[in-house]
PDB file of N, CA and C in Angstrom:
ATOM      1  N   MET A   1       0.812  -1.194   0.000  1.00  0.00           N
ATOM      2  CA  MET A   1       0.000   0.000   0.000  1.00  0.00           C
ATOM      3  C   MET A   1       0.858   1.262   0.000  1.00  0.00           C
ATOM      4  N   GLU A   2       1.891   1.298   0.832  1.00  0.00           N
ATOM      5  CA  GLU A   2       2.707   2.506   0.943  1.00  0.00           C
ATOM      6  C   GLU A   2       3.319   2.909  -0.387  1.00  0.00           C
ATOM      7  N   SER A   3       3.689   1.926  -1.197  1.00  0.00           N
ATOM      8  CA  SER A   3       4.353   2.234  -2.447  1.00  0.00           C
ATOM      9  C   SER A   3       3.432   2.962  -3.424  1.00  0.00           C
ATOM     10  N   ARG A   4       2.130   2.863  -3.232  1.00  0.00           N
ATOM     11  CA  ARG A   4       1.186   3.518  -4.135  1.00  0.00           C
ATOM     12  C   ARG A   4       0.786   4.908  -3.664  1.00  0.00           C
ATOM     13  N   VAL A   5       1.088   5.249  -2.442  1.00  0.00           N
ATOM     14  CA  VAL A   5       0.643   6.531  -1.891  1.00  0.00           C
ATOM     15  C   VAL A   5       1.189   7.696  -2.708  1.00  0.00           C
ATOM     16  N   ILE A   6       2.451   7.659  -3.051  1.00  0.00           N
ATOM     17  CA  ILE A   6       3.065   8.753  -3.817  1.00  0.00           C
ATOM     18  C   ILE A   6       2.382   8.895  -5.172  1.00  0.00           C
ATOM     19  N   GLU A   7       2.184   7.780  -5.853  1.00  0.00           N
ATOM     20  CA  GLU A   7       1.541   7.825  -7.170  1.00  0.00           C
ATOM     21  C   GLU A   7       0.101   8.325  -7.063  1.00  0.00           C
ATOM     22  N   GLU A   8      -0.628   7.872  -6.041  1.00  0.00           N
ATOM     23  CA  GLU A   8      -2.011   8.322  -5.860  1.00  0.00           C
ATOM     24  C   GLU A   8      -2.076   9.812  -5.545  1.00  0.00           C
ATOM     25  N   LEU A   9      -1.197  10.282  -4.681  1.00  0.00           N
ATOM     26  CA  LEU A   9      -1.165  11.707  -4.361  1.00  0.00           C
ATOM     27  C   LEU A   9      -0.787  12.518  -5.595  1.00  0.00           C
ATOM     28  N   TYR A  10       0.173  12.023  -6.363  1.00  0.00           N
ATOM     29  CA  TYR A  10       0.566  12.713  -7.596  1.00  0.00           C
ATOM     30  C   TYR A  10      -0.638  12.847  -8.534  1.00  0.00           C
ATOM     31  N   GLN A  11      -1.441  11.795  -8.652  1.00  0.00           N
ATOM     32  CA  GLN A  11      -2.618  11.839  -9.527  1.00  0.00           C
ATOM     33  C   GLN A  11      -3.633  12.874  -9.042  1.00  0.00           C
ATOM     34  N   ILE A  12      -3.811  12.972  -7.737  1.00  0.00           N
ATOM     35  CA  ILE A  12      -4.712  13.994  -7.187  1.00  0.00           C
ATOM     36  C   ILE A  12      -4.188  15.384  -7.529  1.00  0.00           C
ATOM     37  N   ILE A  13      -2.888  15.586  -7.356  1.00  0.00           N
ATOM     38  CA  ILE A  13      -2.267  16.877  -7.677  1.00  0.00           C
ATOM     39  C   ILE A  13      -2.435  17.178  -9.164  1.00  0.00           C
ATOM     40  N   LYS A  14      -2.191  16.191  -9.994  1.00  0.00           N
ATOM     41  CA  LYS A  14      -2.330  16.356 -11.452  1.00  0.00           C
ATOM     42  C   LYS A  14      -3.771  16.713 -11.814  1.00  0.00           C
ATOM     43  N   ASP A  15      -4.728  16.071 -11.158  1.00  0.00           N
ATOM     44  CA  ASP A  15      -6.142  16.387 -11.395  1.00  0.00           C
ATOM     45  C   ASP A  15      -6.453  17.832 -11.016  1.00  0.00           C
ATOM     46  N   ARG A  16      -5.876  18.298  -9.918  1.00  0.00           N
ATOM     47  CA  ARG A  16      -6.109  19.691  -9.497  1.00  0.00           C
ATOM     48  C   ARG A  16      -5.522  20.663 -10.521  1.00  0.00           C
ATOM     49  N   LYS A  17      -4.447  20.252 -11.162  1.00  0.00           N
ATOM     50  CA  LYS A  17      -3.824  21.116 -12.172  1.00  0.00           C
ATOM     51  C   LYS A  17      -4.701  21.204 -13.411  1.00  0.00           C
ATOM     52  N   THR A  18      -5.266  20.073 -13.824  1.00  0.00           N
ATOM     53  CA  THR A  18      -6.057  20.050 -15.051  1.00  0.00           C
ATOM     54  C   THR A  18      -7.529  20.375 -14.825  1.00  0.00           C
ATOM     55  N   LYS A  19      -8.021  20.115 -13.604  1.00  0.00           N
ATOM     56  CA  LYS A  19      -9.428  20.395 -13.268  1.00  0.00           C
ATOM     57  C   LYS A  19      -9.466  21.156 -11.946  1.00  0.00           C
ATOM     58  N   PRO A  20      -9.185  22.461 -11.998  1.00  0.00           N
ATOM     59  CA  PRO A  20      -9.111  23.248 -10.761  1.00  0.00           C
ATOM     60  C   PRO A  20     -10.380  23.161  -9.911  1.00  0.00           C
ATOM     61  N   VAL A  21     -10.156  23.150  -8.600  1.00  0.00           N
ATOM     62  CA  VAL A  21     -11.237  23.130  -7.624  1.00  0.00           C
ATOM     63  C   VAL A  21     -11.131  24.409  -6.795  1.00  0.00           C
ATOM     64  N   GLU A  22     -12.204  25.165  -6.750  1.00  0.00           N
ATOM     65  CA  GLU A  22     -12.185  26.421  -6.005  1.00  0.00           C
ATOM     66  C   GLU A  22     -11.837  26.174  -4.543  1.00  0.00           C
ATOM     67  N   GLY A  23     -10.943  26.978  -4.012  1.00  0.00           N
ATOM     68  CA  GLY A  23     -10.534  26.880  -2.619  1.00  0.00           C
ATOM     69  C   GLY A  23      -9.438  25.866  -2.361  1.00  0.00           C
ATOM     70  N   SER A  24      -8.989  25.162  -3.403  1.00  0.00           N
ATOM     71  CA  SER A  24      -7.948  24.145  -3.246  1.00  0.00           C
ATOM     72  C   SER A  24      -6.577  24.805  -3.088  1.00  0.00           C
ATOM     73  N   TYR A  25      -5.849  24.377  -2.056  1.00  0.00           N
ATOM     74  CA  TYR A  25      -4.491  24.884  -1.846  1.00  0.00           C
ATOM     75  C   TYR A  25      -3.591  24.500  -3.013  1.00  0.00           C
ATOM     76  N   THR A  26      -3.760  23.293  -3.525  1.00  0.00           N
ATOM     77  CA  THR A  26      -2.957  22.843  -4.665  1.00  0.00           C
ATOM     78  C   THR A  26      -3.200  23.746  -5.871  1.00  0.00           C
ATOM     79  N   CYS A  27      -4.458  24.059  -6.131  1.00  0.00           N
ATOM     80  CA  CYS A  27      -4.780  24.961  -7.241  1.00  0.00           C
ATOM     81  C   CYS A  27      -4.184  26.343  -7.017  1.00  0.00           C
ATOM     82  N   HIS A  28      -4.204  26.799  -5.797  1.00  0.00           N
ATOM     83  CA  HIS A  28      -3.597  28.094  -5.457  1.00  0.00           C
ATOM     84  C   HIS A  28      -2.114  28.092  -5.827  1.00  0.00           C
ATOM     85  N   LEU A  29      -1.418  27.006  -5.484  1.00  0.00           N
ATOM     86  CA  LEU A  29       0.007  26.922  -5.823  1.00  0.00           C
ATOM     87  C   LEU A  29       0.209  26.974  -7.330  1.00  0.00           C
ATOM     88  N   PHE A  30      -0.570  26.201  -8.084  1.00  0.00           N
ATOM     89  CA  PHE A  30      -0.435  26.214  -9.539  1.00  0.00           C
ATOM     90  C   PHE A  30      -0.765  27.585 -10.118  1.00  0.00           C
ATOM     91  N   ASN A  31      -1.778  28.245  -9.572  1.00  0.00           N
ATOM     92  CA  ASN A  31      -2.159  29.569 -10.072  1.00  0.00           C
ATOM     93  C   ASN A  31      -1.067  30.601  -9.835  1.00  0.00           C
ATOM     94  N   LYS A  32      -0.372  30.494  -8.712  1.00  0.00           N
ATOM     95  CA  LYS A  32       0.684  31.448  -8.390  1.00  0.00           C
ATOM     96  C   LYS A  32       1.974  31.142  -9.146  1.00  0.00           C
ATOM     97  N   GLY A  33       2.146  29.885  -9.537  1.00  0.00           N
ATOM     98  CA  GLY A  33       3.261  29.547 -10.418  1.00  0.00           C
ATOM     99  C   GLY A  33       4.526  29.066  -9.733  1.00  0.00           C
ATOM    100  N   ARG A  34       5.524  28.904 -10.560  1.00  0.00           N
ATOM    101  CA  ARG A  34       6.795  28.297 -10.183  1.00  0.00           C
ATOM    102  C   ARG A  34       7.450  28.955  -8.970  1.00  0.00           C
ATOM    103  N   ASP A  35       7.463  30.270  -8.927  1.00  0.00           N
ATOM    104  CA  ASP A  35       8.171  30.934  -7.820  1.00  0.00           C
ATOM    105  C   ASP A  35       7.590  30.557  -6.458  1.00  0.00           C
ATOM    106  N   LEU A  36       6.265  30.548  -6.334  1.00  0.00           N
ATOM    107  CA  LEU A  36       5.666  30.174  -5.050  1.00  0.00           C
ATOM    108  C   LEU A  36       5.896  28.696  -4.753  1.00  0.00           C
ATOM    109  N   ILE A  37       5.755  27.856  -5.771  1.00  0.00           N
ATOM    110  CA  ILE A  37       5.981  26.417  -5.568  1.00  0.00           C
ATOM    111  C   ILE A  37       7.402  26.173  -5.066  1.00  0.00           C
ATOM    112  N   LEU A  38       8.384  26.790  -5.703  1.00  0.00           N
ATOM    113  CA  LEU A  38       9.777  26.605  -5.283  1.00  0.00           C
ATOM    114  C   LEU A  38      10.032  27.197  -3.902  1.00  0.00           C
ATOM    115  N   LYS A  39       9.394  28.316  -3.609  1.00  0.00           N
ATOM    116  CA  LYS A  39       9.527  28.909  -2.277  1.00  0.00           C
ATOM    117  C   LYS A  39       9.012  27.938  -1.220  1.00  0.00           C
ATOM    118  N   LYS A  40       7.868  27.295  -1.487  1.00  0.00           N
ATOM    119  CA  LYS A  40       7.306  26.341  -0.525  1.00  0.00           C
ATOM    120  C   LYS A  40       8.200  25.119  -0.367  1.00  0.00           C
ATOM    121  N   VAL A  41       8.793  24.632  -1.451  1.00  0.00           N
ATOM    122  CA  VAL A  41       9.725  23.497  -1.354  1.00  0.00           C
ATOM    123  C   VAL A  41      10.896  23.886  -0.462  1.00  0.00           C
ATOM    124  N   SER A  42      11.430  25.071  -0.671  1.00  0.00           N
ATOM    125  CA  SER A  42      12.559  25.548   0.125  1.00  0.00           C
ATOM    126  C   SER A  42      12.175  25.689   1.598  1.00  0.00           C
ATOM    127  N   GLU A  43      11.035  26.280   1.872  1.00  0.00           N
ATOM    128  CA  GLU A  43      10.577  26.449   3.258  1.00  0.00           C
ATOM    129  C   GLU A  43      10.396  25.099   3.944  1.00  0.00           C
ATOM    130  N   GLU A  44       9.776  24.166   3.244  1.00  0.00           N
ATOM    131  CA  GLU A  44       9.532  22.842   3.839  1.00  0.00           C
ATOM    132  C   GLU A  44      10.834  22.096   4.078  1.00  0.00           C
ATOM    133  N   ALA A  45      11.798  22.238   3.171  1.00  0.00           N
ATOM    134  CA  ALA A  45      13.105  21.588   3.370  1.00  0.00           C
ATOM    135  C   ALA A  45      13.773  22.133   4.627  1.00  0.00           C
ATOM    136  N   THR A  46      13.679  23.435   4.820  1.00  0.00           N
ATOM    137  CA  THR A  46      14.243  24.050   6.022  1.00  0.00           C
ATOM    138  C   THR A  46      13.535  23.536   7.272  1.00  0.00           C
ATOM    139  N   GLU A  47      12.217  23.394   7.213  1.00  0.00           N
ATOM    140  CA  GLU A  47      11.465  22.905   8.364  1.00  0.00           C
ATOM    141  C   GLU A  47      11.818  21.451   8.691  1.00  0.00           C
ATOM    142  N   VAL A  48      12.098  20.651   7.666  1.00  0.00           N
ATOM    143  CA  VAL A  48      12.557  19.270   7.896  1.00  0.00           C
ATOM    144  C   VAL A  48      13.882  19.290   8.647  1.00  0.00           C
ATOM    145  N   ILE A  49      14.787  20.118   8.206  1.00  0.00           N
ATOM    146  CA  ILE A  49      16.106  20.215   8.841  1.00  0.00           C
ATOM    147  C   ILE A  49      15.969  20.639  10.302  1.00  0.00           C
ATOM    148  N   LEU A  50      15.151  21.650  10.558  1.00  0.00           N
ATOM    149  CA  LEU A  50      14.979  22.140  11.928  1.00  0.00           C
ATOM    150  C   LEU A  50      14.332  21.090  12.824  1.00  0.00           C
ATOM    151  N   ALA A  51      13.337  20.382  12.304  1.00  0.00           N
ATOM    152  CA  ALA A  51      12.675  19.344  13.097  1.00  0.00           C
ATOM    153  C   ALA A  51      13.645  18.206  13.409  1.00  0.00           C
ATOM    154  N   SER A  52      14.431  17.818  12.423  1.00  0.00           N
ATOM    155  CA  SER A  52      15.408  16.750  12.637  1.00  0.00           C
ATOM    156  C   SER A  52      16.470  17.183  13.640  1.00  0.00           C
ATOM    157  N   LYS A  53      16.917  18.412  13.489  1.00  0.00           N
ATOM    158  CA  LYS A  53      17.942  18.927  14.397  1.00  0.00           C
ATOM    159  C   LYS A  53      17.445  18.947  15.846  1.00  0.00           C
ATOM    160  N   SER A  54      16.155  19.201  16.020  1.00  0.00           N
ATOM    161  CA  SER A  54      15.597  19.218  17.373  1.00  0.00           C
ATOM    162  C   SER A  54      15.282  17.809  17.870  1.00  0.00           C
ATOM    163  N   MET A  55      15.527  16.822  17.013  1.00  0.00           N
ATOM    164  CA  MET A  55      15.325  15.411  17.351  1.00  0.00           C
ATOM    165  C   MET A  55      13.875  15.118  17.748  1.00  0.00           C
ATOM    166  N   ASP A  56      12.951  15.808  17.074  1.00  0.00           N
ATOM    167  CA  ASP A  56      11.521  15.587  17.286  1.00  0.00           C
ATOM    168  C   ASP A  56      11.016  14.701  16.157  1.00  0.00           C
ATOM    169  N   ARG A  57      10.934  13.414  16.436  1.00  0.00           N
ATOM    170  CA  ARG A  57      10.603  12.431  15.403  1.00  0.00           C
ATOM    171  C   ARG A  57       9.253  12.702  14.749  1.00  0.00           C
ATOM    172  N   GLU A  58       8.227  12.945  15.529  1.00  0.00           N
ATOM    173  CA  GLU A  58       6.888  13.162  14.972  1.00  0.00           C
ATOM    174  C   GLU A  58       6.826  14.428  14.129  1.00  0.00           C
ATOM    175  N   GLU A  59       7.464  15.480  14.604  1.00  0.00           N
ATOM    176  CA  GLU A  59       7.497  16.726  13.831  1.00  0.00           C
ATOM    177  C   GLU A  59       8.289  16.522  12.540  1.00  0.00           C
ATOM    178  N   THR A  60       9.369  15.767  12.608  1.00  0.00           N
ATOM    179  CA  THR A  60      10.158  15.487  11.410  1.00  0.00           C
ATOM    180  C   THR A  60       9.325  14.722  10.389  1.00  0.00           C
ATOM    181  N   ILE A  61       8.584  13.728  10.842  1.00  0.00           N
ATOM    182  CA  ILE A  61       7.715  12.968   9.933  1.00  0.00           C
ATOM    183  C   ILE A  61       6.685  13.891   9.290  1.00  0.00           C
ATOM    184  N   SER A  62       6.077  14.745  10.090  1.00  0.00           N
ATOM    185  CA  SER A  62       5.083  15.681   9.577  1.00  0.00           C
ATOM    186  C   SER A  62       5.685  16.626   8.535  1.00  0.00           C
ATOM    187  N   GLU A  63       6.850  17.151   8.833  1.00  0.00           N
ATOM    188  CA  GLU A  63       7.505  18.070   7.903  1.00  0.00           C
ATOM    189  C   GLU A  63       7.972  17.355   6.639  1.00  0.00           C
ATOM    190  N   LEU A  64       8.411  16.100   6.772  1.00  0.00           N
ATOM    191  CA  LEU A  64       8.786  15.311   5.592  1.00  0.00           C
ATOM    192  C   LEU A  64       7.579  15.102   4.682  1.00  0.00           C
ATOM    193  N   ALA A  65       6.418  14.857   5.280  1.00  0.00           N
ATOM    194  CA  ALA A  65       5.200  14.700   4.486  1.00  0.00           C
ATOM    195  C   ALA A  65       4.872  15.997   3.742  1.00  0.00           C
ATOM    196  N   ASP A  66       5.013  17.138   4.435  1.00  0.00           N
ATOM    197  CA  ASP A  66       4.781  18.431   3.776  1.00  0.00           C
ATOM    198  C   ASP A  66       5.755  18.632   2.621  1.00  0.00           C
ATOM    199  N   LEU A  67       7.022  18.289   2.842  1.00  0.00           N
ATOM    200  CA  LEU A  67       8.032  18.437   1.793  1.00  0.00           C
ATOM    201  C   LEU A  67       7.709  17.536   0.603  1.00  0.00           C
ATOM    202  N   CYS A  68       7.343  16.298   0.873  1.00  0.00           N
ATOM    203  CA  CYS A  68       6.992  15.371  -0.213  1.00  0.00           C
ATOM    204  C   CYS A  68       5.841  15.926  -1.048  1.00  0.00           C
ATOM    205  N   TYR A  69       4.832  16.430  -0.378  1.00  0.00           N
ATOM    206  CA  TYR A  69       3.687  17.009  -1.093  1.00  0.00           C
ATOM    207  C   TYR A  69       4.136  18.151  -2.005  1.00  0.00           C
ATOM    208  N   HIS A  70       4.907  19.086  -1.462  1.00  0.00           N
ATOM    209  CA  HIS A  70       5.322  20.235  -2.261  1.00  0.00           C
ATOM    210  C   HIS A  70       6.276  19.829  -3.387  1.00  0.00           C
ATOM    211  N   ILE A  71       7.098  18.817  -3.158  1.00  0.00           N
ATOM    212  CA  ILE A  71       7.957  18.307  -4.232  1.00  0.00           C
ATOM    213  C   ILE A  71       7.093  17.702  -5.344  1.00  0.00           C
ATOM    214  N   LEU A  72       6.041  16.993  -4.973  1.00  0.00           N
ATOM    215  CA  LEU A  72       5.147  16.426  -5.991  1.00  0.00           C
ATOM    216  C   LEU A  72       4.449  17.531  -6.788  1.00  0.00           C
ATOM    217  N   VAL A  73       4.072  18.616  -6.135  1.00  0.00           N
ATOM    218  CA  VAL A  73       3.479  19.749  -6.849  1.00  0.00           C
ATOM    219  C   VAL A  73       4.497  20.316  -7.836  1.00  0.00           C
ATOM    220  N   MET A  74       5.740  20.483  -7.386  1.00  0.00           N
ATOM    221  CA  MET A  74       6.796  20.986  -8.263  1.00  0.00           C
ATOM    222  C   MET A  74       7.003  20.043  -9.454  1.00  0.00           C
ATOM    223  N   MET A  75       7.052  18.757  -9.169  1.00  0.00           N
ATOM    224  CA  MET A  75       7.241  17.770 -10.233  1.00  0.00           C
ATOM    225  C   MET A  75       6.112  17.864 -11.255  1.00  0.00           C
ATOM    226  N   CYS A  76       4.883  17.919 -10.780  1.00  0.00           N
ATOM    227  CA  CYS A  76       3.732  18.005 -11.674  1.00  0.00           C
ATOM    228  C   CYS A  76       3.801  19.285 -12.507  1.00  0.00           C
ATOM    229  N   HIS A  77       4.143  20.372 -11.877  1.00  0.00           N
ATOM    230  CA  HIS A  77       4.276  21.644 -12.585  1.00  0.00           C
ATOM    231  C   HIS A  77       5.292  21.524 -13.713  1.00  0.00           C
ATOM    232  N   ASP A  78       6.357  20.767 -13.469  1.00  0.00           N
ATOM    233  CA  ASP A  78       7.443  20.622 -14.445  1.00  0.00           C
ATOM    234  C   ASP A  78       7.273  19.419 -15.369  1.00  0.00           C
ATOM    235  N   GLY A  79       6.171  18.676 -15.222  1.00  0.00           N
ATOM    236  CA  GLY A  79       5.934  17.529 -16.088  1.00  0.00           C
ATOM    237  C   GLY A  79       6.807  16.323 -15.765  1.00  0.00           C
ATOM    238  N   ILE A  80       7.236  16.215 -14.523  1.00  0.00           N
ATOM    239  CA  ILE A  80       8.054  15.085 -14.069  1.00  0.00           C
ATOM    240  C   ILE A  80       7.164  14.174 -13.233  1.00  0.00           C
ATOM    241  N   THR A  81       7.202  12.873 -13.514  1.00  0.00           N
ATOM    242  CA  THR A  81       6.348  11.930 -12.785  1.00  0.00           C
ATOM    243  C   THR A  81       7.160  11.166 -11.742  1.00  0.00           C
ATOM    244  N   PRO A  82       6.479  10.585 -10.766  1.00  0.00           N
ATOM    245  CA  PRO A  82       7.185   9.721  -9.818  1.00  0.00           C
ATOM    246  C   PRO A  82       7.927   8.579 -10.529  1.00  0.00           C
ATOM    247  N   SER A  83       7.359   8.074 -11.620  1.00  0.00           N
ATOM    248  CA  SER A  83       8.026   7.013 -12.381  1.00  0.00           C
ATOM    249  C   SER A  83       9.344   7.496 -12.964  1.00  0.00           C
ATOM    250  N   ASP A  84       9.396   8.749 -13.404  1.00  0.00           N
ATOM    251  CA  ASP A  84      10.645   9.318 -13.912  1.00  0.00           C
ATOM    252  C   ASP A  84      11.733   9.267 -12.846  1.00  0.00           C
ATOM    253  N   VAL A  85      11.367   9.648 -11.630  1.00  0.00           N
ATOM    254  CA  VAL A  85      12.331   9.674 -10.526  1.00  0.00           C
ATOM    255  C   VAL A  85      12.725   8.249 -10.139  1.00  0.00           C
ATOM    256  N   CYS A  86      11.754   7.345 -10.114  1.00  0.00           N
ATOM    257  CA  CYS A  86      12.063   5.943  -9.784  1.00  0.00           C
ATOM    258  C   CYS A  86      13.030   5.338 -10.796  1.00  0.00           C
ATOM    259  N   ARG A  87      12.824   5.631 -12.082  1.00  0.00           N
ATOM    260  CA  ARG A  87      13.754   5.125 -13.102  1.00  0.00           C
ATOM    261  C   ARG A  87      15.168   5.651 -12.868  1.00  0.00           C
ATOM    262  N   GLU A  88      15.271   6.912 -12.510  1.00  0.00           N
ATOM    263  CA  GLU A  88      16.583   7.503 -12.225  1.00  0.00           C
ATOM    264  C   GLU A  88      17.234   6.810 -11.038  1.00  0.00           C
ATOM    265  N   LEU A  89      16.463   6.613  -9.990  1.00  0.00           N
ATOM    266  CA  LEU A  89      16.996   5.938  -8.798  1.00  0.00           C
ATOM    267  C   LEU A  89      17.395   4.498  -9.097  1.00  0.00           C
ATOM    268  N   GLN A  90      16.584   3.800  -9.886  1.00  0.00           N
ATOM    269  CA  GLN A  90      16.925   2.420 -10.254  1.00  0.00           C
ATOM    270  C   GLN A  90      18.221   2.379 -11.048  1.00  0.00           C
ATOM    271  N   GLY A  91      18.395   3.329 -11.960  1.00  0.00           N
ATOM    272  CA  GLY A  91      19.638   3.405 -12.725  1.00  0.00           C
ATOM    273  C   GLY A  91      20.831   3.654 -11.830  1.00  0.00           C
ATOM    274  N   ARG A  92      20.665   4.495 -10.851  1.00  0.00           N
ATOM    275  CA  ARG A  92      21.760   4.767  -9.911  1.00  0.00           C
ATOM    276  C   ARG A  92      22.085   3.542  -9.070  1.00  0.00           C
ATOM    277  N   MET A  93      21.061   2.805  -8.677  1.00  0.00           N
ATOM    278  CA  MET A  93      21.295   1.594  -7.886  1.00  0.00           C
ATOM    279  C   MET A  93      22.079   0.566  -8.704  1.00  0.00           C
ATOM    280  N   LYS A  94      21.725   0.412  -9.963  1.00  0.00           N
ATOM    281  CA  LYS A  94      22.435  -0.524 -10.841  1.00  0.00           C
ATOM    282  C   LYS A  94      23.891  -0.111 -10.981  1.00  0.00           C
ATOM    283  N   ASN A  95      24.099   1.182 -11.214  1.00  0.00           N
ATOM    284  CA  ASN A  95      25.469   1.685 -11.367  1.00  0.00           C
ATOM    285  C   ASN A  95      26.268   1.535 -10.091  1.00  0.00           C
ATOM    286  N   ASN A  96      25.625   1.745  -8.962  1.00  0.00           N
ATOM    287  CA  ASN A  96      26.307   1.625  -7.673  1.00  0.00           C
ATOM    288  C   ASN A  96      26.726   0.183  -7.402  1.00  0.00           C
ATOM    289  N   HIS A  97      25.896  -0.753  -7.781  1.00  0.00           N
ATOM    290  CA  HIS A  97      26.221  -2.174  -7.577  1.00  0.00           C
ATOM    291  C   HIS A  97      27.365  -2.614  -8.478  1.00  0.00           C
ATOM    292  N   LYS A  98      27.485  -2.005  -9.648  1.00  0.00           N
ATOM    293  CA  LYS A  98      28.558  -2.388 -10.577  1.00  0.00           C
ATOM    294  C   LYS A  98      29.924  -1.919 -10.081  1.00  0.00           C
ATOM    295  N   GLY A  99      29.953  -0.660  -9.611  1.00  0.00           N
ATOM    296  CA  GLY A  99      31.253  -0.098  -9.286  1.00  0.00           C
ATOM    297  C   GLY A  99      31.531   0.081  -7.813  1.00  0.00           C
ATOM    298  N   GLY A 100      30.519  -0.109  -6.979  1.00  0.00           N
ATOM    299  CA  GLY A 100      30.731   0.274  -5.626  1.00  0.00           C
ATOM    300  C   GLY A 100      30.604  -0.772  -4.624  1.00  0.00           C
TER     301      GLY A 100
END
């Protein structure tokens, strides 16, 4: 089940991009464009770092979820799918096993 969560969330985000829903935060991000999306990714990354540094496991998990969501919005905005990233990671794993 966990392995499908990212793909399912990505599909919801993609639907919000193609079929806007009034009052949707995701639609708000797409309407404001790349600069706001990237700003949110940066803010969430900083919040992950701060939560981890404070050694607050639950807060770190929460902030990681926020970061994942905003990264998926960025990916959708840029036309990058979770499968694209998985293929890249799989290629790196293969290369790492060969030489490392």
